C-alpha atoms as a PDB file:
ATOM      1  CA  MET A   1     -72.718 -32.106  68.696  1.00  0.00           C
ATOM      2  CA  TYR A   2     -70.486 -29.513  70.271  1.00  0.00           C
ATOM      3  CA  THR A   3     -71.766 -27.423  73.185  1.00  0.00           C
ATOM      4  CA  ARG A   4     -73.026 -24.087  71.984  1.00  0.00           C
ATOM      5  CA  LEU A   5     -71.258 -21.348  73.985  1.00  0.00           C
ATOM      6  CA  THR A   6     -70.344 -17.774  73.079  1.00  0.00           C
ATOM      7  CA  THR A   7     -67.322 -18.226  70.798  1.00  0.00           C
ATOM      8  CA  ALA A   8     -64.286 -15.952  71.508  1.00  0.00           C
ATOM      9  CA  LEU A   9     -61.681 -15.897  68.731  1.00  0.00           C
ATOM     10  CA  VAL A  10     -58.403 -14.403  69.771  1.00  0.00           C
ATOM     11  CA  LEU A  11     -54.891 -14.496  68.240  1.00  0.00           C
ATOM     12  CA  ALA A  12     -52.839 -17.291  69.534  1.00  0.00           C
ATOM     13  CA  LEU A  13     -50.368 -16.140  72.079  1.00  0.00           C
ATOM     14  CA  PHE A  14     -47.110 -16.312  70.182  1.00  0.00           C
ATOM     15  CA  ILE A  15     -45.697 -14.174  67.394  1.00  0.00           C
ATOM     16  CA  THR A  16     -43.093 -14.480  64.610  1.00  0.00           C
ATOM     17  CA  ALA A  17     -40.108 -12.377  63.622  1.00  0.00           C
ATOM     18  CA  CYS A  18     -42.259 -10.264  61.408  1.00  0.00           C
ATOM     19  CA  GLY A  19     -45.617 -10.441  63.461  1.00  0.00           C
ATOM     20  CA  GLY A  20     -47.075  -9.094  66.419  1.00  0.00           C
ATOM     21  CA  GLY A  21     -48.805  -5.877  67.700  1.00  0.00           C
ATOM     22  CA  ARG A  22     -47.471  -2.765  69.068  1.00  0.00           C
ATOM     23  CA  ASN A  23     -44.169  -2.905  70.887  1.00  0.00           C
ATOM     24  CA  GLY A  24     -43.785  -6.503  69.812  1.00  0.00           C
ATOM     25  CA  GLU A  25     -46.691  -7.651  71.977  1.00  0.00           C
ATOM     26  CA  PRO A  26     -49.225 -10.183  70.283  1.00  0.00           C
ATOM     27  CA  PRO A  27     -52.627  -8.773  69.679  1.00  0.00           C
ATOM     28  CA  THR A  28     -55.326 -10.217  71.948  1.00  0.00           C
ATOM     29  CA  ASN A  29     -58.394  -8.656  70.637  1.00  0.00           C
ATOM     30  CA  VAL A  30     -61.727 -10.478  70.294  1.00  0.00           C
ATOM     31  CA  LEU A  31     -63.295 -10.670  66.929  1.00  0.00           C
ATOM     32  CA  ALA A  32     -66.209  -8.372  66.171  1.00  0.00           C
ATOM     33  CA  ALA A  33     -69.602  -9.758  67.513  1.00  0.00           C
ATOM     34  CA  ALA A  34     -71.982 -11.312  65.001  1.00  0.00           C
ATOM     35  CA  PRO A  35     -75.230  -9.384  64.254  1.00  0.00           C
ATOM     36  CA  ALA A  36     -78.247 -11.201  65.172  1.00  0.00           C
ATOM     37  CA  ASP A  37     -79.436 -11.750  61.635  1.00  0.00           C
ATOM     38  CA  SER A  38     -76.261 -12.960  60.125  1.00  0.00           C
ATOM     39  CA  VAL A  39     -77.344 -16.066  58.634  1.00  0.00           C
ATOM     40  CA  VAL A  40     -76.961 -17.338  55.076  1.00  0.00           C
ATOM     41  CA  GLN A  41     -78.295 -20.640  53.318  1.00  0.00           C
ATOM     42  CA  PRO A  42     -75.603 -21.491  50.877  1.00  0.00           C
ATOM     43  CA  GLY A  43     -76.749 -24.993  49.852  1.00  0.00           C
ATOM     44  CA  ASN A  44     -74.117 -27.077  48.410  1.00  0.00           C
ATOM     45  CA  VAL A  45     -71.865 -24.212  47.195  1.00  0.00           C
ATOM     46  CA  LEU A  46     -70.894 -21.348  49.560  1.00  0.00           C
ATOM     47  CA  PRO A  47     -71.729 -17.916  48.159  1.00  0.00           C
ATOM     48  CA  GLY A  48     -69.194 -15.451  46.861  1.00  0.00           C
ATOM     49  CA  ALA A  49     -67.272 -14.410  43.830  1.00  0.00           C
ATOM     50  CA  THR A  50     -66.917 -16.936  41.040  1.00  0.00           C
ATOM     51  CA  SER A  51     -65.034 -15.086  38.268  1.00  0.00           C
ATOM     52  CA  ASP A  52     -61.350 -16.152  37.592  1.00  0.00           C
ATOM     53  CA  SER A  53     -60.821 -12.981  35.589  1.00  0.00           C
ATOM     54  CA  PRO A  54     -59.612  -9.581  36.817  1.00  0.00           C
ATOM     55  CA  PRO A  55     -62.220  -6.846  36.998  1.00  0.00           C
ATOM     56  CA  ALA A  56     -62.386  -4.346  34.134  1.00  0.00           C
ATOM     57  CA  GLY A  57     -61.129  -1.380  35.974  1.00  0.00           C
ATOM     58  CA  VAL A  58     -57.866  -0.660  37.614  1.00  0.00           C
ATOM     59  CA  PRO A  59     -56.952   2.124  40.208  1.00  0.00           C
ATOM     60  CA  ASP A  60     -55.823   5.539  39.155  1.00  0.00           C
ATOM     61  CA  GLN A  61     -52.199   5.134  37.697  1.00  0.00           C
ATOM     62  CA  ARG A  62     -51.130   8.538  39.057  1.00  0.00           C
ATOM     63  CA  SER A  63     -50.338   6.844  42.429  1.00  0.00           C
ATOM     64  CA  VAL A  64     -47.631   4.983  40.560  1.00  0.00           C
ATOM     65  CA  ALA A  65     -46.394   7.732  38.345  1.00  0.00           C
ATOM     66  CA  GLU A  66     -46.033  10.170  41.130  1.00  0.00           C
ATOM     67  CA  ALA A  67     -44.727   7.872  43.713  1.00  0.00           C
ATOM     68  CA  PRO A  68     -41.378   9.147  45.311  1.00  0.00           C
ATOM     69  CA  VAL A  69     -38.306   6.738  45.447  1.00  0.00           C
ATOM     70  CA  PRO A  70     -38.567   4.897  48.713  1.00  0.00           C
ATOM     71  CA  ASP A  71     -35.917   4.899  51.272  1.00  0.00           C
ATOM     72  CA  GLY A  72     -33.373   2.070  50.690  1.00  0.00           C
ATOM     73  CA  VAL A  73     -34.254   1.570  47.045  1.00  0.00           C
ATOM     74  CA  ASP A  74     -31.776   2.526  44.146  1.00  0.00           C
ATOM     75  CA  PRO A  75     -33.423   5.270  42.057  1.00  0.00           C
ATOM     76  CA  GLY A  76     -32.410   3.665  38.848  1.00  0.00           C
ATOM     77  CA  VAL A  77     -34.038   0.303  39.880  1.00  0.00           C
ATOM     78  CA  PHE A  78     -37.170   2.015  41.198  1.00  0.00           C
ATOM     79  CA  GLU A  79     -37.749   3.777  37.871  1.00  0.00           C
ATOM     80  CA  LEU A  80     -37.219   0.385  36.137  1.00  0.00           C
ATOM     81  CA  LEU A  81     -39.850  -1.184  38.393  1.00  0.00           C
ATOM     82  CA  ARG A  82     -42.209   1.801  38.062  1.00  0.00           C
ATOM     83  CA  THR A  83     -42.020   1.665  34.273  1.00  0.00           C
ATOM     84  CA  GLU A  84     -42.707  -1.898  34.123  1.00  0.00           C
ATOM     85  CA  LEU A  85     -45.803  -1.694  36.544  1.00  0.00           C
ATOM     86  CA  LEU A  86     -47.282   1.161  34.536  1.00  0.00           C
ATOM     87  CA  ARG A  87     -46.952  -0.844  31.373  1.00  0.00           C
ATOM     88  CA  ILE A  88     -48.791  -3.893  32.817  1.00  0.00           C
ATOM     89  CA  LEU A  89     -51.492  -1.524  34.180  1.00  0.00           C
ATOM     90  CA  ASP A  90     -51.798   0.187  30.853  1.00  0.00           C
ATOM     91  CA  GLU A  91     -52.482  -3.235  29.326  1.00  0.00           C
ATOM     92  CA  ARG A  92     -55.273  -3.920  31.971  1.00  0.00           C
ATOM     93  CA  SER A  93     -56.817  -0.512  31.890  1.00  0.00           C
ATOM     94  CA  VAL A  94     -60.396  -0.423  30.619  1.00  0.00           C
ATOM     95  CA  ASP A  95     -62.089   1.736  33.227  1.00  0.00           C
ATOM     96  CA  SER A  96     -59.808   3.387  35.828  1.00  0.00           C
ATOM     97  CA  ARG A  97     -62.728   4.375  38.172  1.00  0.00           C
ATOM     98  CA  GLN A  98     -62.631   1.290  40.282  1.00  0.00           C
ATOM     99  CA  ALA A  99     -60.394   1.927  43.261  1.00  0.00           C
ATOM    100  CA  SER A 100     -60.221  -1.571  44.852  1.00  0.00           C
ATOM    101  CA  PHE A 101     -61.792  -5.056  44.838  1.00  0.00           C
ATOM    102  CA  THR A 102     -61.561  -8.244  46.731  1.00  0.00           C
ATOM    103  CA  PRO A 103     -58.840 -10.360  45.144  1.00  0.00           C
ATOM    104  CA  TYR A 104     -60.284 -12.471  42.462  1.00  0.00           C
ATOM    105  CA  GLY A 105     -59.733 -16.095  41.113  1.00  0.00           C
ATOM    106  CA  THR A 106     -58.563 -19.369  42.668  1.00  0.00           C
ATOM    107  CA  ALA A 107     -55.047 -18.261  43.049  1.00  0.00           C
ATOM    108  CA  ASN A 108     -56.134 -15.955  45.972  1.00  0.00           C
ATOM    109  CA  GLN A 109     -58.592 -18.349  47.455  1.00  0.00           C
ATOM    110  CA  ILE A 110     -57.907 -19.742  50.864  1.00  0.00           C
ATOM    111  CA  ASP A 111     -57.556 -23.546  50.595  1.00  0.00           C
ATOM    112  CA  ASP A 112     -55.667 -24.438  53.680  1.00  0.00           C
ATOM    113  CA  LEU A 113     -58.010 -23.510  56.376  1.00  0.00           C
ATOM    114  CA  THR A 114     -57.178 -25.860  59.083  1.00  0.00           C
ATOM    115  CA  LEU A 115     -58.946 -26.621  62.544  1.00  0.00           C
ATOM    116  CA  THR A 116     -56.890 -28.383  65.278  1.00  0.00           C
ATOM    117  CA  GLY A 117     -56.697 -28.919  68.998  1.00  0.00           C
ATOM    118  CA  SER A 118     -58.991 -30.066  71.652  1.00  0.00           C
ATOM    119  CA  GLY A 119     -59.848 -26.949  73.736  1.00  0.00           C
ATOM    120  CA  PRO A 120     -58.594 -24.324  73.078  1.00  0.00           C
ATOM    121  CA  TYR A 121     -58.775 -24.974  69.343  1.00  0.00           C
ATOM    122  CA  ARG A 122     -56.721 -23.421  66.667  1.00  0.00           C
ATOM    123  CA  LEU A 123     -58.113 -22.034  63.281  1.00  0.00           C
ATOM    124  CA  THR A 124     -55.260 -21.174  60.949  1.00  0.00           C
ATOM    125  CA  TRP A 125     -54.895 -20.178  57.243  1.00  0.00           C
ATOM    126  CA  THR A 126     -52.325 -18.655  54.923  1.00  0.00           C
ATOM    127  CA  TYR A 127     -52.930 -15.060  53.938  1.00  0.00           C
ATOM    128  CA  ARG A 128     -53.265 -14.944  50.137  1.00  0.00           C
ATOM    129  CA  ASN A 129     -53.376 -11.542  48.209  1.00  0.00           C
ATOM    130  CA  ILE A 130     -50.995 -12.046  45.343  1.00  0.00           C
ATOM    131  CA  GLY A 131     -48.966  -8.940  44.814  1.00  0.00           C
ATOM    132  CA  ASP A 132     -49.263  -7.692  48.378  1.00  0.00           C
ATOM    133  CA  TYR A 133     -45.603  -7.935  49.123  1.00  0.00           C
ATOM    134  CA  ASP A 134     -45.734  -5.675  52.271  1.00  0.00           C
ATOM    135  CA  PHE A 135     -48.620  -7.436  53.720  1.00  0.00           C
ATOM    136  CA  ASN A 136     -50.624  -4.193  54.295  1.00  0.00           C
ATOM    137  CA  GLY A 137     -53.821  -5.734  52.804  1.00  0.00           C
ATOM    138  CA  GLN A 138     -53.630  -3.865  49.603  1.00  0.00           C
ATOM    139  CA  VAL A 139     -51.888  -4.375  46.250  1.00  0.00           C
ATOM    140  CA  ASN A 140     -50.638  -0.928  45.443  1.00  0.00           C
ATOM    141  CA  VAL A 141     -47.527   1.046  44.719  1.00  0.00           C
ATOM    142  CA  SER A 142     -46.025   0.495  48.085  1.00  0.00           C
ATOM    143  CA  ASP A 143     -45.465  -3.144  47.033  1.00  0.00           C
ATOM    144  CA  LEU A 144     -42.714  -1.886  44.691  1.00  0.00           C
ATOM    145  CA  THR A 145     -40.545  -1.245  47.789  1.00  0.00           C
ATOM    146  CA  PRO A 146     -39.878  -4.810  48.887  1.00  0.00           C
ATOM    147  CA  ILE A 147     -38.924  -5.589  45.186  1.00  0.00           C
ATOM    148  CA  GLY A 148     -36.621  -2.721  45.076  1.00  0.00           C
ATOM    149  CA  VAL A 149     -34.985  -3.188  48.426  1.00  0.00           C
ATOM    150  CA  TYR A 150     -34.206  -6.909  47.650  1.00  0.00           C
ATOM    151  CA  PHE A 151     -33.633  -6.488  43.950  1.00  0.00           C
ATOM    152  CA  GLY A 152     -31.165  -9.083  42.465  1.00  0.00           C
ATOM    153  CA  MET A 153     -31.279 -11.341  45.532  1.00  0.00           C
ATOM    154  CA  SER A 154     -31.734 -15.153  45.157  1.00  0.00           C
ATOM    155  CA  GLU A 155     -32.423 -18.158  47.424  1.00  0.00           C
ATOM    156  CA  SER A 156     -28.823 -18.466  48.271  1.00  0.00           C
ATOM    157  CA  ASP A 157     -28.690 -14.932  49.829  1.00  0.00           C
ATOM    158  CA  PRO A 158     -28.714 -15.075  53.738  1.00  0.00           C
ATOM    159  CA  LEU A 159     -31.446 -12.306  53.584  1.00  0.00           C
ATOM    160  CA  TRP A 160     -33.746 -14.574  51.459  1.00  0.00           C
ATOM    161  CA  PRO A 161     -36.175 -15.314  54.391  1.00  0.00           C
ATOM    162  CA  LEU A 162     -36.967 -11.536  54.256  1.00  0.00           C
ATOM    163  CA  ALA A 163     -36.623 -11.112  50.466  1.00  0.00           C
ATOM    164  CA  CYS A 164     -38.850 -14.011  49.570  1.00  0.00           C
ATOM    165  CA  THR A 165     -41.946 -12.026  50.268  1.00  0.00           C
ATOM    166  CA  ALA A 166     -41.261 -10.163  46.842  1.00  0.00           C
ATOM    167  CA  ASP A 167     -40.665 -13.461  44.952  1.00  0.00           C
ATOM    168  CA  GLY A 168     -44.209 -13.104  43.320  1.00  0.00           C
ATOM    169  CA  ASP A 169     -43.510 -15.476  40.442  1.00  0.00           C
ATOM    170  CA  GLY A 170     -41.862 -18.098  42.718  1.00  0.00           C
ATOM    171  CA  ASN A 171     -38.665 -18.622  40.837  1.00  0.00           C
ATOM    172  CA  GLY A 172     -36.300 -18.022  43.634  1.00  0.00           C
ATOM    173  CA  LEU A 173     -35.135 -14.581  42.431  1.00  0.00           C
ATOM    174  CA  ILE A 174     -36.113 -10.924  42.880  1.00  0.00           C
ATOM    175  CA  THR A 175     -36.276  -9.504  39.438  1.00  0.00           C
ATOM    176  CA  VAL A 176     -38.423  -7.299  37.269  1.00  0.00           C
ATOM    177  CA  SER A 177     -40.557 -10.248  36.485  1.00  0.00           C
ATOM    178  CA  ASP A 178     -41.940 -10.031  40.052  1.00  0.00           C
ATOM    179  CA  ILE A 179     -43.893  -6.892  38.877  1.00  0.00           C
ATOM    180  CA  THR A 180     -46.240  -8.980  36.747  1.00  0.00           C
ATOM    181  CA  PRO A 181     -48.180 -10.525  39.697  1.00  0.00           C
ATOM    182  CA  LEU A 182     -48.258  -7.237  41.386  1.00  0.00           C
ATOM    183  CA  GLY A 183     -49.606  -5.483  38.248  1.00  0.00           C
ATOM    184  CA  GLN A 184     -52.122  -8.300  37.299  1.00  0.00           C
ATOM    185  CA  ASN A 185     -53.527  -7.946  40.945  1.00  0.00           C
ATOM    186  CA  PHE A 186     -53.180  -4.231  41.395  1.00  0.00           C
ATOM    187  CA  GLY A 187     -56.055  -2.854  43.535  1.00  0.00           C
ATOM    188  CA  GLY A 188     -56.662  -6.233  45.335  1.00  0.00           C
ATOM    189  CA  THR A 189     -57.661  -5.333  48.867  1.00  0.00           C
ATOM    190  CA  ILE A 190     -58.411  -7.495  51.977  1.00  0.00           C
ATOM    191  CA  VAL A 191     -59.542  -5.761  55.053  1.00  0.00           C
ATOM    192  CA  GLY A 192     -60.055  -9.081  56.724  1.00  0.00           C
ATOM    193  CA  TYR A 193     -61.988 -12.406  56.870  1.00  0.00           C
ATOM    194  CA  GLN A 194     -65.450 -13.126  58.078  1.00  0.00           C
ATOM    195  CA  VAL A 195     -65.467 -16.341  59.975  1.00  0.00           C
ATOM    196  CA  TRP A 196     -68.585 -18.511  59.528  1.00  0.00           C
ATOM    197  CA  GLY A 197     -69.842 -21.705  61.122  1.00  0.00           C
ATOM    198  CA  THR A 198     -72.593 -24.370  60.523  1.00  0.00           C
ATOM    199  CA  ASP A 199     -73.443 -27.850  61.722  1.00  0.00           C
ATOM    200  CA  GLN A 200     -74.703 -28.860  58.281  1.00  0.00           C
ATOM    201  CA  ARG A 201     -72.612 -27.802  55.272  1.00  0.00           C
ATOM    202  CA  GLU A 202     -75.851 -27.644  53.039  1.00  0.00           C
ATOM    203  CA  GLY A 203     -77.758 -25.621  55.735  1.00  0.00           C
ATOM    204  CA  GLU A 204     -77.508 -22.290  57.380  1.00  0.00           C
ATOM    205  CA  TRP A 205     -74.154 -20.666  57.877  1.00  0.00           C
ATOM    206  CA  ASN A 206     -73.760 -18.221  60.921  1.00  0.00           C
ATOM    207  CA  PHE A 207     -71.337 -15.403  61.074  1.00  0.00           C
ATOM    208  CA  LEU A 208     -68.965 -15.623  64.099  1.00  0.00           C
ATOM    209  CA  GLY A 209     -66.799 -12.592  63.616  1.00  0.00           C
ATOM    210  CA  ASN A 210     -64.063 -10.843  61.729  1.00  0.00           C
ATOM    211  CA  ALA A 211     -60.206 -11.423  61.642  1.00  0.00           C
ATOM    212  CA  THR A 212     -58.567  -8.453  60.253  1.00  0.00           C
ATOM    213  CA  VAL A 213     -55.217  -7.882  58.300  1.00  0.00           C
ATOM    214  CA  GLU A 214     -54.307  -4.955  60.615  1.00  0.00           C
ATOM    215  CA  THR A 215     -54.832  -6.827  63.724  1.00  0.00           C
ATOM    216  CA  ASN A 216     -54.544 -10.615  63.252  1.00  0.00           C
ATOM    217  CA  LEU A 217     -52.145 -11.139  60.410  1.00  0.00           C
ATOM    218  CA  ARG A 218     -48.822 -12.658  61.358  1.00  0.00           C
ATOM    219  CA  LYS A 219     -46.464 -10.990  58.928  1.00  0.00           C
ATOM    220  CA  ASN A 220     -43.829 -13.780  58.453  1.00  0.00           C
ATOM    221  CA  ALA A 221     -42.362 -13.569  54.956  1.00  0.00           C
ATOM    222  CA  LEU A 222     -42.023 -17.345  54.621  1.00  0.00           C
ATOM    223  CA  ARG A 223     -45.468 -18.015  55.828  1.00  0.00           C
ATOM    224  CA  PRO A 224     -47.906 -14.971  56.364  1.00  0.00           C
ATOM    225  CA  ARG A 225     -50.907 -16.375  58.196  1.00  0.00           C
ATOM    226  CA  PHE A 226     -53.649 -16.100  60.654  1.00  0.00           C
ATOM    227  CA  VAL A 227     -53.599 -18.104  63.845  1.00  0.00           C
ATOM    228  CA  ILE A 228     -56.879 -17.782  65.834  1.00  0.00           C
ATOM    229  CA  GLN A 229     -57.649 -19.417  69.077  1.00  0.00           C
ATOM    230  CA  LEU A 230     -61.190 -20.625  69.784  1.00  0.00           C
ATOM    231  CA  SER A 231     -62.103 -21.276  73.318  1.00  0.00           C
ATOM    232  CA  THR A 232     -64.975 -23.481  72.335  1.00  0.00           C
ATOM    233  CA  LEU A 233     -66.492 -24.907  69.067  1.00  0.00           C
ATOM    234  CA  ASP A 234     -70.000 -23.686  68.494  1.00  0.00           C
ATOM    235  CA  TYR A 235     -70.196 -25.484  65.006  1.00  0.00           C
ATOM    236  CA  THR A 236     -68.887 -28.427  63.316  1.00  0.00           C
ATOM    237  CA  TYR A 237     -67.656 -26.720  60.088  1.00  0.00           C
ATOM    238  CA  LEU A 238     -66.020 -23.324  59.803  1.00  0.00           C
ATOM    239  CA  GLY A 239     -65.384 -21.232  56.625  1.00  0.00           C
ATOM    240  CA  LEU A 240     -63.917 -17.914  55.789  1.00  0.00           C
ATOM    241  CA  TRP A 241     -65.164 -15.130  53.537  1.00  0.00           C
ATOM    242  CA  PRO A 242     -62.693 -12.350  52.482  1.00  0.00           C
ATOM    243  CA  TYR A 243     -63.980  -8.754  52.414  1.00  0.00           C
ATOM    244  CA  ASP A 244     -62.581  -5.513  51.303  1.00  0.00           C
ATOM    245  CA  ASN A 245     -63.689  -1.860  52.033  1.00  0.00           C
ATOM    246  CA  SER A 246     -66.549  -1.920  49.532  1.00  0.00           C
ATOM    247  CA  ASP A 247     -69.445  -4.265  48.769  1.00  0.00           C
ATOM    248  CA  ASP A 248     -67.183  -6.588  46.747  1.00  0.00           C
ATOM    249  CA  GLU A 249     -67.238 -10.366  47.722  1.00  0.00           C
ATOM    250  CA  GLY A 250     -64.229 -12.656  47.681  1.00  0.00           C
ATOM    251  CA  TRP A 251     -63.910 -16.235  47.234  1.00  0.00           C
ATOM    252  CA  TRP A 252     -65.106 -18.709  50.023  1.00  0.00           C
ATOM    253  CA  SER A 253     -62.378 -20.738  51.501  1.00  0.00           C
ATOM    254  CA  ASN A 254     -62.248 -24.643  51.874  1.00  0.00           C
ATOM    255  CA  THR A 255     -64.371 -25.845  54.791  1.00  0.00           C
ATOM    256  CA  ALA A 256     -62.558 -26.822  57.953  1.00  0.00           C
ATOM    257  CA  THR A 257     -63.650 -29.426  60.491  1.00  0.00           C
ATOM    258  CA  LEU A 258     -61.505 -31.245  63.071  1.00  0.00           C
ATOM    259  CA  GLY A 259     -59.262 -33.857  61.563  1.00  0.00           C
ATOM    260  CA  GLN A 260     -60.347 -33.235  57.973  1.00  0.00           C
ATOM    261  CA  SER A 261     -58.285 -30.266  56.651  1.00  0.00           C
ATOM    262  CA  GLU A 262     -54.998 -30.650  54.992  1.00  0.00           C
ATOM    263  CA  PRO A 263     -52.430 -27.740  54.286  1.00  0.00           C
ATOM    264  CA  ARG A 264     -51.898 -27.327  50.526  1.00  0.00           C
ATOM    265  CA  TYR A 265     -48.889 -25.966  48.505  1.00  0.00           C
ATOM    266  CA  ILE A 266     -49.224 -22.270  47.921  1.00  0.00           C
ATOM    267  CA  VAL A 267     -48.179 -21.053  44.325  1.00  0.00           C
ATOM    268  CA  GLY A 268     -45.346 -18.452  44.537  1.00  0.00           C
ATOM    269  CA  MET A 269     -44.179 -19.484  48.110  1.00  0.00           C
ATOM    270  CA  ARG A 270     -42.318 -22.681  47.430  1.00  0.00           C
ATOM    271  CA  SER A 271     -40.829 -23.071  50.842  1.00  0.00           C
ATOM    272  CA  ILE A 272     -43.891 -22.287  52.712  1.00  0.00           C
ATOM    273  CA  TRP A 273     -44.508 -25.462  54.584  1.00  0.00           C
ATOM    274  CA  ASP A 274     -40.717 -25.835  55.220  1.00  0.00           C
ATOM    275  CA  ALA A 275     -41.061 -22.870  57.521  1.00  0.00           C
ATOM    276  CA  GLY A 276     -42.569 -24.961  60.250  1.00  0.00           C
ATOM    277  CA  SER A 277     -45.632 -24.269  62.417  1.00  0.00           C
END
């Protein structure tokens, strides 16, 4: 059994070309403290959303229709992308009152949560919010910008390590087809991930703190991920629960324990594990 000490989860002290905090410095904030009564009893299956279908509503489409042409994007290309996004949203629209939701379905589920090290320990996982091409935590009209900036590029282009963030369909090209994942997941929002721990997977799970997209996400286009450092291990098993800015609940991650978690291939990011650690 691991010695129980107060767990301090901080971002690992290194950054990527696209990550880091203000002025290029790595964030070092400690995760939010856990409330005293933050305990759940999940049994064999961790709680959370179980639907693999999109919610009925989509956000107000005026944000798309009225968006100005972003800097660095050809106006004609942007109108092409805007028209396609509006078409997809129109097909989805049943009730436009829902402003956001935690990303649904197994495609957005964290399945590569990994625990390594021997003190300090590292808890890592790949950020998954399909359609969030600019990594701001929300799938919205701003995600048209990366598609527009890199429109027409392929894997052979020297800028591909930057452009690949907009390759939503994973075909090695930036085209209008990359609008489809954006439109299908439009409104998906992740503010952060709750980190939970337990000594018995079928027993009580205890909330340890939050890792937020704004502060803890390393925004590397090839491998957008969280790298959290744990000074001690309070629990044998760790899991994640994504949350948005409402009461919506996301999918639980896989459960991580030392020596028993394996990274997995992520749909739409074919070279993700070629990018290195």
